[in-house]
């Protein structure tokens, strides 16, 4: 008995199972076309998740930037520290997410 990754959800399952206990996919009826389709669906889900992270990080960056300059917060105030932190975290998160997205697209081609 070996442990394999389910082609549908990538969870570890036994190779003797006929049905994945996590995503309930029937493992007996998998052929090359279904495996390819599952792989494409998983890549699309991963890409969508990374795009959502990218959007949230851009919102975090923009909100910190706008609060810092629109509210004309004084240096040293807690609002200034929060705005700078939000801007820095949002920018770093955005860059990391975009690199992950590029690596994902590079690995699929």
Protein backbone atom coordinates (compact mmCIF):
# COMPACT_ATOMS: atom_id res chain seq x y z
CA UNK A 1 0.00 0.00 0.00
CA UNK A 2 1.48 3.33 -1.10
CA UNK A 3 0.49 6.87 -0.31
CA UNK A 4 -0.22 9.04 -3.36
CA UNK A 5 -1.50 12.55 -3.98
CA UNK A 6 -5.11 12.72 -5.12
CA UNK A 7 -5.25 14.14 -8.66
CA UNK A 8 -8.27 16.25 -7.73
CA UNK A 9 -7.35 17.88 -4.41
CA UNK A 10 -3.66 16.97 -3.98
CA UNK A 11 -4.29 15.45 -0.52
CA UNK A 12 -2.40 12.33 0.49
CA UNK A 13 -4.48 9.15 0.13
CA UNK A 14 -3.86 5.44 -0.22
CA UNK A 15 -3.44 4.06 -3.73
CA UNK A 16 -5.99 1.36 -2.82
CA UNK A 17 -8.86 3.84 -2.39
CA UNK A 18 -11.48 3.89 -5.11
CA UNK A 19 -12.90 7.24 -3.93
CA UNK A 20 -11.01 10.19 -2.48
CA UNK A 21 -12.27 10.91 1.02
CA UNK A 22 -11.51 14.65 0.68
CA UNK A 23 -12.92 15.68 -2.72
CA UNK A 24 -15.03 12.55 -3.41
CA UNK A 25 -13.59 12.04 -6.90
CA UNK A 26 -13.94 8.54 -8.33
CA UNK A 27 -10.39 7.31 -8.83
CA UNK A 28 -11.39 4.21 -10.81
CA UNK A 29 -12.73 6.18 -13.77
CA UNK A 30 -9.75 8.50 -14.25
CA UNK A 31 -8.20 8.52 -17.68
CA UNK A 32 -5.65 10.82 -19.31
CA UNK A 33 -8.27 13.37 -20.39
CA UNK A 34 -9.80 13.61 -16.92
CA UNK A 35 -6.36 13.90 -15.31
CA UNK A 36 -5.45 16.72 -17.71
CA UNK A 37 -8.75 18.45 -17.02
CA UNK A 38 -8.22 18.20 -13.25
CA UNK A 39 -4.71 19.59 -13.61
CA UNK A 40 -5.99 22.58 -15.60
CA UNK A 41 -8.76 23.24 -13.06
CA UNK A 42 -6.25 23.14 -10.20
CA UNK A 43 -3.97 25.58 -12.03
CA UNK A 44 -6.87 27.96 -12.64
CA UNK A 45 -7.86 27.80 -8.96
CA UNK A 46 -4.28 28.49 -7.87
CA UNK A 47 -4.01 31.40 -10.32
CA UNK A 48 -7.32 32.88 -9.12
CA UNK A 49 -6.19 32.61 -5.51
CA UNK A 50 -2.96 34.44 -6.31
CA UNK A 51 -4.84 37.13 -8.20
CA UNK A 52 -7.10 37.64 -5.16
CA UNK A 53 -4.03 37.97 -2.94
CA UNK A 54 -2.59 40.49 -5.39
CA UNK A 55 -5.78 42.56 -5.27
CA UNK A 56 -5.94 42.53 -1.46
CA UNK A 57 -2.29 43.54 -1.16
CA UNK A 58 -2.82 46.41 -3.61
CA UNK A 59 -5.80 47.60 -1.53
CA UNK A 60 -3.65 47.47 1.60
CA UNK A 61 -0.89 49.44 -0.11
CA UNK A 62 -3.23 52.09 -1.53
CA UNK A 63 -5.17 52.54 1.71
CA UNK A 64 -1.98 53.09 3.71
CA UNK A 65 -0.67 55.50 1.10
CA UNK A 66 -3.93 57.48 0.96
CA UNK A 67 -4.29 57.70 4.74
CA UNK A 68 -0.73 58.95 5.04
CA UNK A 69 -1.12 61.80 2.54
CA UNK A 70 -4.83 62.55 2.53
CA UNK A 71 -5.18 62.83 6.28
CA UNK A 72 -1.81 64.67 6.57
CA UNK A 73 -0.86 62.60 9.59
CA UNK A 74 1.94 63.91 11.79
CA UNK A 75 5.19 61.98 11.92
CA UNK A 76 5.39 59.92 15.10
CA UNK A 77 1.65 59.49 15.56
CA UNK A 78 0.19 56.00 15.69
CA UNK A 79 -1.76 56.73 12.50
CA UNK A 80 1.49 57.51 10.69
CA UNK A 81 3.06 54.26 11.88
CA UNK A 82 -0.04 52.29 10.87
CA UNK A 83 -0.13 53.96 7.43
CA UNK A 84 3.58 53.34 6.78
CA UNK A 85 3.26 49.73 7.95
CA UNK A 86 0.21 49.16 5.76
CA UNK A 87 1.97 50.65 2.74
CA UNK A 88 5.15 48.63 3.26
CA UNK A 89 3.37 45.34 3.96
CA UNK A 90 1.00 45.82 1.03
CA UNK A 91 3.84 46.62 -1.36
CA UNK A 92 6.01 43.67 -0.25
CA UNK A 93 3.03 41.29 -0.35
CA UNK A 94 2.13 42.51 -3.84
CA UNK A 95 5.66 41.93 -5.15
CA UNK A 96 5.88 38.45 -3.63
CA UNK A 97 2.45 37.52 -5.01
CA UNK A 98 3.31 38.74 -8.51
CA UNK A 99 6.54 36.73 -8.49
CA UNK A 100 4.60 33.64 -7.37
CA UNK A 101 2.09 34.24 -10.16
CA UNK A 102 4.87 34.55 -12.74
CA UNK A 103 6.50 31.35 -11.49
CA UNK A 104 3.15 29.55 -11.70
CA UNK A 105 2.63 30.69 -15.28
CA UNK A 106 6.21 29.76 -16.18
CA UNK A 107 5.79 26.27 -14.73
CA UNK A 108 2.64 25.65 -16.80
CA UNK A 109 4.24 26.54 -20.12
